[in-house]
Amino acid sequence: MNRCGEHGKLVRDRIPQIIRGHGAEPLTYTAAPEEYRNRLRDKLGEEVAEFLKADDAEAPEELADVLEVVRALAADLGIDTEQLEKIREAKASARGGFAERIVWTGNR
């Protein structure tokens, strides 16, 4: 069970339609704002776990799922994709990225 204390899980918007296309009737409801944010956070953990388990062939699709949830979380916080990218760029400018593959092992 997730931290929302509810059964079910957040799914992509077209999933109910896809389920109907397979002949079943989905039971759904629209989450309130606080529940939605909590479920998005849970979904991020779920998608990251799936990415970490994926092999190289599956990894790009799983990483795209992570990005979709990150974008939804940003939107929920009132940040559009362009603003999020500017924040990322500012952090990369100030602290760098990960391209040089540096591993820190402590200080002397």
C-alpha atoms as a PDB file:
ATOM      1  CA  MET A   1       0.000   0.000   0.000  1.00  0.00           C
ATOM      2  CA  ASN A   2       1.274   3.492  -0.767  1.00  0.00           C
ATOM      3  CA  ARG A   3       1.540   6.316   1.706  1.00  0.00           C
ATOM      4  CA  CYS A   4      -1.816   7.722   0.574  1.00  0.00           C
ATOM      5  CA  GLY A   5      -3.583   4.976   2.491  1.00  0.00           C
ATOM      6  CA  GLU A   6      -5.766   4.220  -0.527  1.00  0.00           C
ATOM      7  CA  HIS A   7      -5.913   1.238  -2.849  1.00  0.00           C
ATOM      8  CA  GLY A   8      -5.130   1.607  -6.510  1.00  0.00           C
ATOM      9  CA  LYS A   9      -2.408   3.500  -8.267  1.00  0.00           C
ATOM     10  CA  LEU A  10      -1.997   6.534 -10.453  1.00  0.00           C
ATOM     11  CA  VAL A  11      -2.127   5.565 -14.127  1.00  0.00           C
ATOM     12  CA  ARG A  12      -1.634   7.394 -17.392  1.00  0.00           C
ATOM     13  CA  ASP A  13      -4.666   9.279 -18.705  1.00  0.00           C
ATOM     14  CA  ARG A  14      -5.495   6.870 -21.532  1.00  0.00           C
ATOM     15  CA  ILE A  15      -5.315   3.667 -19.456  1.00  0.00           C
ATOM     16  CA  PRO A  16      -9.086   3.563 -18.717  1.00  0.00           C
ATOM     17  CA  GLN A  17      -9.787   3.899 -22.446  1.00  0.00           C
ATOM     18  CA  ILE A  18      -7.316   1.110 -23.220  1.00  0.00           C
ATOM     19  CA  ILE A  19      -8.939  -1.135 -20.590  1.00  0.00           C
ATOM     20  CA  ARG A  20     -12.370  -0.458 -22.133  1.00  0.00           C
ATOM     21  CA  GLY A  21     -10.904  -1.377 -25.510  1.00  0.00           C
ATOM     22  CA  HIS A  22     -10.067  -4.782 -24.046  1.00  0.00           C
ATOM     23  CA  GLY A  23     -13.690  -5.301 -22.961  1.00  0.00           C
ATOM     24  CA  ALA A  24     -13.445  -4.450 -19.245  1.00  0.00           C
ATOM     25  CA  GLU A  25     -14.856  -1.508 -17.320  1.00  0.00           C
ATOM     26  CA  PRO A  26     -12.220   0.217 -15.136  1.00  0.00           C
ATOM     27  CA  LEU A  27     -13.068   1.540 -11.684  1.00  0.00           C
ATOM     28  CA  THR A  28     -11.459   4.964 -11.344  1.00  0.00           C
ATOM     29  CA  TYR A  29     -11.727   8.313  -9.599  1.00  0.00           C
ATOM     30  CA  THR A  30      -9.940  11.641  -9.864  1.00  0.00           C
ATOM     31  CA  ALA A  31      -7.455  12.238  -7.054  1.00  0.00           C
ATOM     32  CA  ALA A  32      -7.684  15.411  -4.993  1.00  0.00           C
ATOM     33  CA  PRO A  33      -4.622  17.707  -5.273  1.00  0.00           C
ATOM     34  CA  GLU A  34      -2.780  16.447  -2.161  1.00  0.00           C
ATOM     35  CA  GLU A  35      -3.427  12.802  -3.001  1.00  0.00           C
ATOM     36  CA  TYR A  36      -2.347  13.439  -6.605  1.00  0.00           C
ATOM     37  CA  ARG A  37       0.994  14.912  -5.467  1.00  0.00           C
ATOM     38  CA  ASN A  38       1.569  11.981  -3.090  1.00  0.00           C
ATOM     39  CA  ARG A  39       0.671   9.464  -5.764  1.00  0.00           C
ATOM     40  CA  LEU A  40       3.004  11.185  -8.241  1.00  0.00           C
ATOM     41  CA  ARG A  41       5.830  10.859  -5.723  1.00  0.00           C
ATOM     42  CA  ASP A  42       4.980   7.175  -5.268  1.00  0.00           C
ATOM     43  CA  LYS A  43       4.853   6.765  -9.055  1.00  0.00           C
ATOM     44  CA  LEU A  44       8.291   8.351  -9.391  1.00  0.00           C
ATOM     45  CA  GLY A  45       9.711   5.763  -6.989  1.00  0.00           C
ATOM     46  CA  GLU A  46       7.950   2.984  -8.908  1.00  0.00           C
ATOM     47  CA  GLU A  47       9.266   4.187 -12.270  1.00  0.00           C
ATOM     48  CA  VAL A  48      12.824   4.683 -10.965  1.00  0.00           C
ATOM     49  CA  ALA A  49      12.760   1.137  -9.552  1.00  0.00           C
ATOM     50  CA  GLU A  50      11.630  -0.190 -12.946  1.00  0.00           C
ATOM     51  CA  PHE A  51      14.422   1.753 -14.654  1.00  0.00           C
ATOM     52  CA  LEU A  52      17.023   0.364 -12.242  1.00  0.00           C
ATOM     53  CA  LYS A  53      15.894  -3.205 -12.981  1.00  0.00           C
ATOM     54  CA  ALA A  54      15.755  -2.697 -16.763  1.00  0.00           C
ATOM     55  CA  ASP A  55      18.357  -4.056 -19.139  1.00  0.00           C
ATOM     56  CA  ASP A  56      19.923  -1.783 -21.757  1.00  0.00           C
ATOM     57  CA  ALA A  57      17.178  -2.577 -24.286  1.00  0.00           C
ATOM     58  CA  GLU A  58      14.343  -1.669 -21.867  1.00  0.00           C
ATOM     59  CA  ALA A  59      16.121   1.249 -20.164  1.00  0.00           C
ATOM     60  CA  PRO A  60      15.214   4.023 -22.649  1.00  0.00           C
ATOM     61  CA  GLU A  61      11.488   3.305 -22.339  1.00  0.00           C
ATOM     62  CA  GLU A  62      11.680   3.140 -18.539  1.00  0.00           C
ATOM     63  CA  LEU A  63      13.692   6.371 -18.465  1.00  0.00           C
ATOM     64  CA  ALA A  64      10.976   8.025 -20.586  1.00  0.00           C
ATOM     65  CA  ASP A  65       8.440   6.926 -17.944  1.00  0.00           C
ATOM     66  CA  VAL A  66      10.575   8.580 -15.249  1.00  0.00           C
ATOM     67  CA  LEU A  67      10.690  11.773 -17.319  1.00  0.00           C
ATOM     68  CA  GLU A  68       6.904  11.745 -17.774  1.00  0.00           C
ATOM     69  CA  VAL A  69       6.412  11.590 -14.001  1.00  0.00           C
ATOM     70  CA  VAL A  70       9.052  14.290 -13.411  1.00  0.00           C
ATOM     71  CA  ARG A  71       7.223  16.568 -15.845  1.00  0.00           C
ATOM     72  CA  ALA A  72       3.899  15.891 -14.115  1.00  0.00           C
ATOM     73  CA  LEU A  73       5.456  16.668 -10.724  1.00  0.00           C
ATOM     74  CA  ALA A  74       6.923  19.904 -12.087  1.00  0.00           C
ATOM     75  CA  ALA A  75       3.548  20.914 -13.525  1.00  0.00           C
ATOM     76  CA  ASP A  76       1.902  20.140 -10.190  1.00  0.00           C
ATOM     77  CA  LEU A  77       4.416  22.498  -8.562  1.00  0.00           C
ATOM     78  CA  GLY A  78       3.587  25.178 -11.131  1.00  0.00           C
ATOM     79  CA  ILE A  79       6.821  24.755 -13.079  1.00  0.00           C
ATOM     80  CA  ASP A  80       6.713  24.199 -16.831  1.00  0.00           C
ATOM     81  CA  THR A  81       9.280  22.141 -18.736  1.00  0.00           C
ATOM     82  CA  GLU A  82      11.161  25.259 -19.845  1.00  0.00           C
ATOM     83  CA  GLN A  83      11.481  26.537 -16.266  1.00  0.00           C
ATOM     84  CA  LEU A  84      12.601  23.116 -15.073  1.00  0.00           C
ATOM     85  CA  GLU A  85      15.278  23.050 -17.768  1.00  0.00           C
ATOM     86  CA  LYS A  86      16.482  26.518 -16.695  1.00  0.00           C
ATOM     87  CA  ILE A  87      16.788  25.297 -13.095  1.00  0.00           C
ATOM     88  CA  ARG A  88      18.708  22.238 -14.311  1.00  0.00           C
ATOM     89  CA  GLU A  89      20.994  24.415 -16.440  1.00  0.00           C
ATOM     90  CA  ALA A  90      21.704  26.768 -13.520  1.00  0.00           C
ATOM     91  CA  LYS A  91      22.643  23.823 -11.261  1.00  0.00           C
ATOM     92  CA  ALA A  92      24.824  22.357 -14.013  1.00  0.00           C
ATOM     93  CA  SER A  93      26.535  25.715 -14.510  1.00  0.00           C
ATOM     94  CA  ALA A  94      27.184  26.127 -10.777  1.00  0.00           C
ATOM     95  CA  ARG A  95      28.059  22.520  -9.874  1.00  0.00           C
ATOM     96  CA  GLY A  96      28.612  20.730 -13.170  1.00  0.00           C
ATOM     97  CA  GLY A  97      26.869  17.750 -14.683  1.00  0.00           C
ATOM     98  CA  PHE A  98      27.873  14.098 -14.718  1.00  0.00           C
ATOM     99  CA  ALA A  99      29.631  13.833 -18.109  1.00  0.00           C
ATOM    100  CA  GLU A 100      33.112  13.459 -16.611  1.00  0.00           C
ATOM    101  CA  ARG A 101      32.074  10.379 -14.568  1.00  0.00           C
ATOM    102  CA  ILE A 102      33.804  11.644 -11.399  1.00  0.00           C
ATOM    103  CA  VAL A 103      33.440   9.426  -8.302  1.00  0.00           C
ATOM    104  CA  TRP A 104      34.159  11.110  -4.952  1.00  0.00           C
ATOM    105  CA  THR A 105      35.696   8.898  -2.280  1.00  0.00           C
ATOM    106  CA  GLY A 106      36.163  11.417   0.550  1.00  0.00           C
ATOM    107  CA  ASN A 107      38.603  14.144   1.606  1.00  0.00           C
ATOM    108  CA  ARG A 108      42.207  14.117   2.902  1.00  0.00           C
END
